[in-house]
Protein backbone atom coordinates (compact mmCIF):
# COMPACT_ATOMS: atom_id res chain seq x y z
CA TYR A 1 -19.38 -25.30 61.47
CA ALA A 2 -21.85 -23.40 59.13
CA ASP A 3 -22.26 -24.44 55.35
CA VAL A 4 -20.04 -22.15 53.27
CA SER A 5 -21.74 -20.33 50.18
CA PRO A 6 -20.81 -20.82 46.86
CA TYR A 7 -18.68 -18.17 45.56
CA LEU A 8 -18.01 -16.51 42.09
CA VAL A 9 -15.04 -15.71 40.33
CA ALA A 10 -15.47 -12.29 38.80
CA LYS A 11 -12.56 -10.28 36.30
CA ALA A 12 -11.81 -7.09 36.69
CA ALA A 13 -12.33 -5.02 33.11
CA GLN A 14 -12.15 -1.04 32.06
CA PRO A 15 -13.99 0.14 28.87
CA PRO A 16 -12.79 -0.97 25.69
CA GLN A 17 -10.81 1.36 23.87
CA PRO A 18 -12.20 2.71 20.37
CA PRO A 19 -11.64 1.43 16.91
CA ASP A 20 -8.02 2.45 15.93
CA GLN A 21 -9.76 2.78 12.40
CA VAL A 22 -12.18 4.69 11.23
CA ASN A 23 -13.04 5.49 7.57
CA ARG A 24 -15.92 6.48 5.32
CA ASP A 25 -17.41 4.94 1.85
CA ILE A 26 -14.58 5.63 -0.97
CA PRO A 27 -16.07 6.59 -3.83
CA PRO A 28 -18.96 8.47 -1.98
CA ALA A 29 -22.17 6.69 -3.06
CA LEU A 30 -24.57 9.87 -2.97
CA PRO A 31 -24.18 13.58 -1.93
CA THR A 32 -26.74 13.60 0.77
CA ALA A 33 -25.23 10.30 2.66
CA ILE A 34 -21.81 9.12 4.05
CA GLU A 35 -20.92 5.72 5.04
CA VAL A 36 -18.88 5.24 8.24
CA LYS A 37 -17.23 2.00 8.68
CA TRP A 38 -14.63 0.93 11.26
CA SER A 39 -12.14 -1.72 12.45
CA ALA A 40 -13.53 -4.43 15.13
CA VAL A 41 -12.29 -4.20 18.45
CA VAL A 42 -11.11 -7.55 19.60
CA ASP A 43 -7.38 -7.51 21.17
CA GLU A 44 -7.48 -8.38 24.48
CA ILE A 45 -5.59 -4.73 25.86
CA ALA A 46 -7.98 -3.18 23.41
CA THR A 47 -11.34 -4.78 24.89
CA GLY A 48 -9.81 -4.05 28.45
CA GLY A 49 -10.63 -7.40 29.25
CA ALA A 50 -14.33 -8.15 28.51
CA LEU A 51 -16.13 -8.88 25.42
CA VAL A 52 -17.33 -6.05 23.44
CA THR A 53 -20.81 -6.20 22.61
CA GLY A 54 -21.41 -2.79 19.92
CA TYR A 55 -20.31 0.65 18.77
CA PHE A 56 -21.62 4.07 19.22
CA VAL A 57 -21.44 6.53 16.11
CA TYR A 58 -21.79 10.53 16.68
CA ALA A 59 -21.98 12.86 14.39
CA ASN A 60 -22.42 17.13 13.90
CA THR A 61 -24.54 18.43 11.38
CA GLY A 62 -21.88 19.89 9.29
CA ILE A 63 -22.30 23.20 10.76
CA ASP A 64 -19.13 23.29 13.07
CA ASP A 65 -21.09 22.10 16.35
CA ARG A 66 -20.27 18.98 18.44
CA PRO A 67 -20.82 15.54 17.31
CA VAL A 68 -23.83 13.43 19.18
CA LEU A 69 -24.85 10.27 19.05
CA VAL A 70 -26.57 8.79 15.96
CA TYR A 71 -26.38 5.22 15.84
CA ASP A 72 -26.67 2.95 19.34
CA GLY A 73 -25.13 -0.74 18.22
CA ARG A 74 -25.26 -1.83 21.74
CA GLY A 75 -25.97 -6.00 20.82
CA ASN A 76 -24.15 -5.92 17.33
CA PRO A 77 -20.80 -5.95 17.48
CA SER A 78 -20.70 -7.72 13.73
CA VAL A 79 -22.37 -4.72 12.56
CA ARG A 80 -19.19 -2.26 12.11
CA SER A 81 -20.88 0.37 9.38
CA PHE A 82 -23.18 3.14 9.74
CA LYS A 83 -24.91 5.34 6.88
CA TYR A 84 -25.58 8.73 7.66
CA THR A 85 -28.31 10.05 5.55
CA GLY A 86 -30.29 13.55 4.78
CA LEU A 87 -27.47 15.18 4.61
CA VAL A 88 -26.75 18.60 3.02
CA PRO A 89 -24.26 18.15 0.19
CA GLY A 90 -20.90 20.19 0.43
CA ARG A 91 -20.66 20.16 4.28
CA ARG A 92 -18.24 18.57 6.19
CA TYR A 93 -19.31 16.07 8.96
CA ARG A 94 -17.39 15.16 11.90
CA PHE A 95 -18.24 11.71 13.39
CA GLN A 96 -16.65 9.70 16.51
CA VAL A 97 -16.82 6.17 17.05
CA SER A 98 -16.70 4.51 20.54
CA SER A 99 -17.25 0.68 21.90
CA VAL A 100 -18.95 -0.64 24.54
CA SER A 101 -18.98 -3.95 26.50
CA THR A 102 -19.88 -5.38 29.66
CA ALA A 103 -17.90 -2.64 31.52
CA GLY A 104 -19.94 0.44 29.69
CA GLU A 105 -18.83 2.72 27.29
CA GLY A 106 -15.06 3.44 26.49
CA PRO A 107 -13.82 6.86 25.23
CA ARG A 108 -14.60 7.94 21.59
CA SER A 109 -12.01 7.99 19.02
CA GLN A 110 -10.83 10.96 17.60
CA VAL A 111 -12.67 13.04 15.19
CA TYR A 112 -12.79 12.17 11.64
CA THR A 113 -14.06 14.82 9.02
CA PHE A 114 -16.18 13.82 5.76
CA LEU A 115 -17.38 15.38 2.79
CA ALA A 116 -20.77 14.99 1.99
CA ALA A 117 -20.33 14.67 -1.81
CA ALA A 118 -20.55 12.09 -4.86
CA PRO A 119 -18.33 12.11 -7.78
CA PRO A 120 -18.89 14.71 -10.15
CA SER A 121 -20.41 13.30 -13.60
CA ALA A 122 -18.50 13.23 -16.79
CA PRO A 123 -18.08 16.51 -18.60
CA MET A 124 -19.19 17.05 -22.11
CA ALA A 125 -15.70 15.77 -24.81
CA PRO A 126 -13.35 18.64 -25.02
CA ARG A 127 -14.68 21.41 -27.94
CA PHE A 128 -12.17 22.26 -30.69
CA VAL A 129 -11.76 26.08 -30.66
CA ASP A 130 -7.96 26.68 -32.75
CA ALA A 131 -4.98 24.92 -33.40
CA ASP A 132 -1.89 25.53 -35.08
CA ALA A 133 1.76 23.36 -35.37
CA GLU A 134 2.19 23.13 -31.31
CA ASN A 135 -0.79 23.81 -29.55
CA ILE A 136 -4.59 22.63 -29.65
CA VAL A 137 -6.56 25.31 -28.22
CA LEU A 138 -9.44 23.04 -26.37
CA GLY A 139 -12.85 24.20 -24.86
CA ILE A 140 -13.51 23.00 -21.45
CA ASP A 141 -17.86 22.90 -20.21
CA PRO A 142 -18.39 22.07 -16.25
CA PRO A 143 -19.85 18.67 -15.79
CA PRO A 144 -23.76 18.91 -15.66
CA PHE A 145 -23.64 17.24 -11.81
CA ASP A 146 -20.91 18.52 -9.63
CA GLY A 147 -21.58 16.12 -6.93
CA GLY A 148 -22.65 18.58 -4.40
CA SER A 149 -19.28 19.75 -4.28
CA LYS A 150 -16.92 22.80 -5.72
CA ILE A 151 -14.60 21.37 -9.08
CA VAL A 152 -11.21 22.29 -8.02
CA ARG A 153 -9.12 21.23 -11.10
CA TYR A 154 -9.45 19.54 -14.33
CA VAL A 155 -7.55 17.06 -15.59
CA ILE A 156 -7.05 16.76 -19.50
CA TRP A 157 -5.80 13.78 -20.42
CA TYR A 158 -4.07 13.28 -24.13
CA ASN A 159 -1.88 10.51 -25.96
CA TYR A 160 1.20 11.25 -28.19
CA GLY A 161 -0.94 11.66 -31.40
CA THR A 162 0.40 8.42 -33.15
CA PRO A 163 -1.85 5.25 -33.91
CA ASP A 164 0.13 3.07 -31.23
CA THR A 165 -0.58 5.35 -28.16
CA ARG A 166 -4.40 5.20 -28.01
CA LEU A 167 -5.38 7.29 -24.73
CA GLY A 168 -6.05 4.56 -21.98
CA GLU A 169 -4.75 1.21 -23.33
CA PHE A 170 -1.10 1.94 -22.23
CA GLN A 171 -1.06 3.18 -18.75
CA ASP A 172 -1.00 -0.22 -16.98
CA LYS A 173 2.07 -1.22 -18.65
CA TYR A 174 4.44 1.42 -18.19
CA PRO A 175 7.16 1.49 -17.49
CA GLY A 176 7.50 -1.78 -19.31
CA GLY A 177 8.22 -0.34 -22.56
CA SER A 178 5.27 1.48 -23.35
CA PHE A 179 3.62 5.18 -23.14
CA PRO A 180 1.59 5.97 -20.22
CA ASP A 181 -1.45 8.74 -20.78
CA ARG A 182 0.03 12.12 -20.53
CA GLN A 183 -2.41 14.46 -18.15
CA MET A 184 -2.30 18.38 -17.75
CA HIS A 185 -3.70 19.47 -14.53
CA VAL A 186 -5.86 22.96 -14.56
CA CYS A 187 -6.50 24.36 -11.15
CA ASP A 188 -7.93 27.55 -12.72
CA THR A 189 -11.37 26.04 -12.98
CA SER A 190 -13.26 29.35 -14.12
CA LEU A 191 -11.42 28.90 -17.52
CA THR A 192 -13.80 27.95 -20.41
CA GLU A 193 -10.36 27.42 -22.86
CA PHE A 194 -7.37 25.99 -22.22
CA SER A 195 -4.10 25.63 -24.66
CA LEU A 196 -2.63 22.05 -25.03
CA PHE A 197 0.75 22.97 -25.89
CA ASN A 198 4.40 21.32 -26.32
CA LEU A 199 2.49 19.53 -29.10
CA VAL A 200 3.97 17.68 -32.54
CA GLY A 201 2.42 19.18 -35.82
CA SER A 202 0.25 16.85 -38.22
CA ARG A 203 -0.92 14.84 -35.79
CA ASP A 204 -4.44 13.42 -34.14
CA TYR A 205 -4.77 13.67 -30.70
CA GLN A 206 -7.36 11.70 -28.39
CA ILE A 207 -7.90 13.75 -25.50
CA GLN A 208 -10.71 13.53 -22.53
CA ILE A 209 -11.01 15.69 -19.60
CA GLN A 210 -12.09 14.77 -16.09
CA ALA A 211 -13.44 17.18 -13.34
CA HIS A 212 -12.19 16.80 -9.69
CA ALA A 213 -14.13 17.97 -6.61
CA ALA A 214 -12.51 19.06 -3.15
CA CYS A 215 -11.30 15.57 -0.97
CA PRO A 216 -13.87 13.67 0.47
CA GLU A 217 -11.44 13.38 3.67
CA GLY A 218 -10.79 15.36 6.33
CA GLU A 219 -10.83 19.52 6.71
CA GLU A 220 -11.41 21.26 3.73
CA LEU A 221 -8.07 22.12 1.80
CA PRO A 222 -6.80 25.36 0.56
CA PRO A 223 -7.28 26.36 -2.87
CA HIS A 224 -5.49 24.98 -5.52
CA ILE A 225 -2.51 27.09 -6.46
CA THR A 226 -1.15 27.80 -9.91
CA ARG A 227 2.54 28.87 -10.34
CA PRO A 228 2.58 32.20 -12.74
CA GLU A 229 5.13 30.80 -14.43
CA THR A 230 2.61 27.47 -15.10
CA TYR A 231 -0.52 28.96 -14.93
CA PRO A 232 -2.96 27.95 -15.37
CA LEU A 233 -1.64 24.64 -14.44
CA CYS A 234 -1.90 23.49 -10.61
CA GLU A 235 1.46 23.74 -8.27
CA SER A 236 0.86 20.07 -7.52
CA GLN A 237 -0.77 16.87 -8.92
CA ASP A 238 -0.07 15.16 -5.69
CA VAL A 239 -3.02 16.52 -4.12
CA CYS A 240 -6.06 14.79 -2.43
CA THR A 241 -9.27 15.20 -4.62
CA LEU A 242 -12.71 13.17 -5.55
CA PRO A 243 -12.22 12.43 -9.21
CA GLY A 244 -15.14 12.19 -11.36
CA ALA A 245 -15.67 10.17 -14.72
CA LYS A 246 -13.71 11.31 -17.75
CA SER A 247 -15.20 12.85 -20.87
CA SER A 248 -15.58 10.56 -24.28
CA ILE A 249 -12.85 11.41 -26.37
CA ALA A 250 -12.07 14.02 -29.12
CA LEU A 251 -9.83 13.94 -31.95
CA LEU A 252 -8.10 17.02 -32.54
CA THR A 253 -5.36 17.73 -35.07
CA THR A 254 -2.41 20.01 -34.69
């Protein structure tokens, strides 16, 4: 009888699935860079039966073109982030991530859209314009740096005008017997003055202003709107934004 040659046991494998989680650096560090992060593909079904050996990242130029390969991570499966640099502030960039194994490259993930922007800087402290027993008119100045994105709202933070409700000290304790900081969301960002209303006379109010830029994730949202009966306040406070630093505290009196 002739000798029988050795045999090889081969395991059939399919190209791996893409990562099921793709996100970005929050808060963003720079208006000209986006760091994309993704989850590992390790589940036997997701890997297709072969060891994942790396990941590809695809991105576009922020002008509605198709994503192209910008990162080849073959041979580096432990690297699960990529910083896309040299971006134009204010543009929204589209990303996809795929996995690679010995069976080849798998399908790309869904498209994820991220804004090239950083949090806006702190505005100047609110300026005193006028006051009466129930209102304080504030002067609002835009932040020196908008982070590369348009400012979509201002948030006015203020306390209750009493010594035991110092701004910023009670929010973590609420509702366990203490008062939270009060806030008003102003969506007409063209305003240079705003009237803080429903106050109590002869009180010293601590007040801060915070600028919010556009949402750093997803497609661009419609303009933040106000209702005529609440103008210039925002219709909703539960909207994705990129908040900046708060101004220093101004002490203003009714």
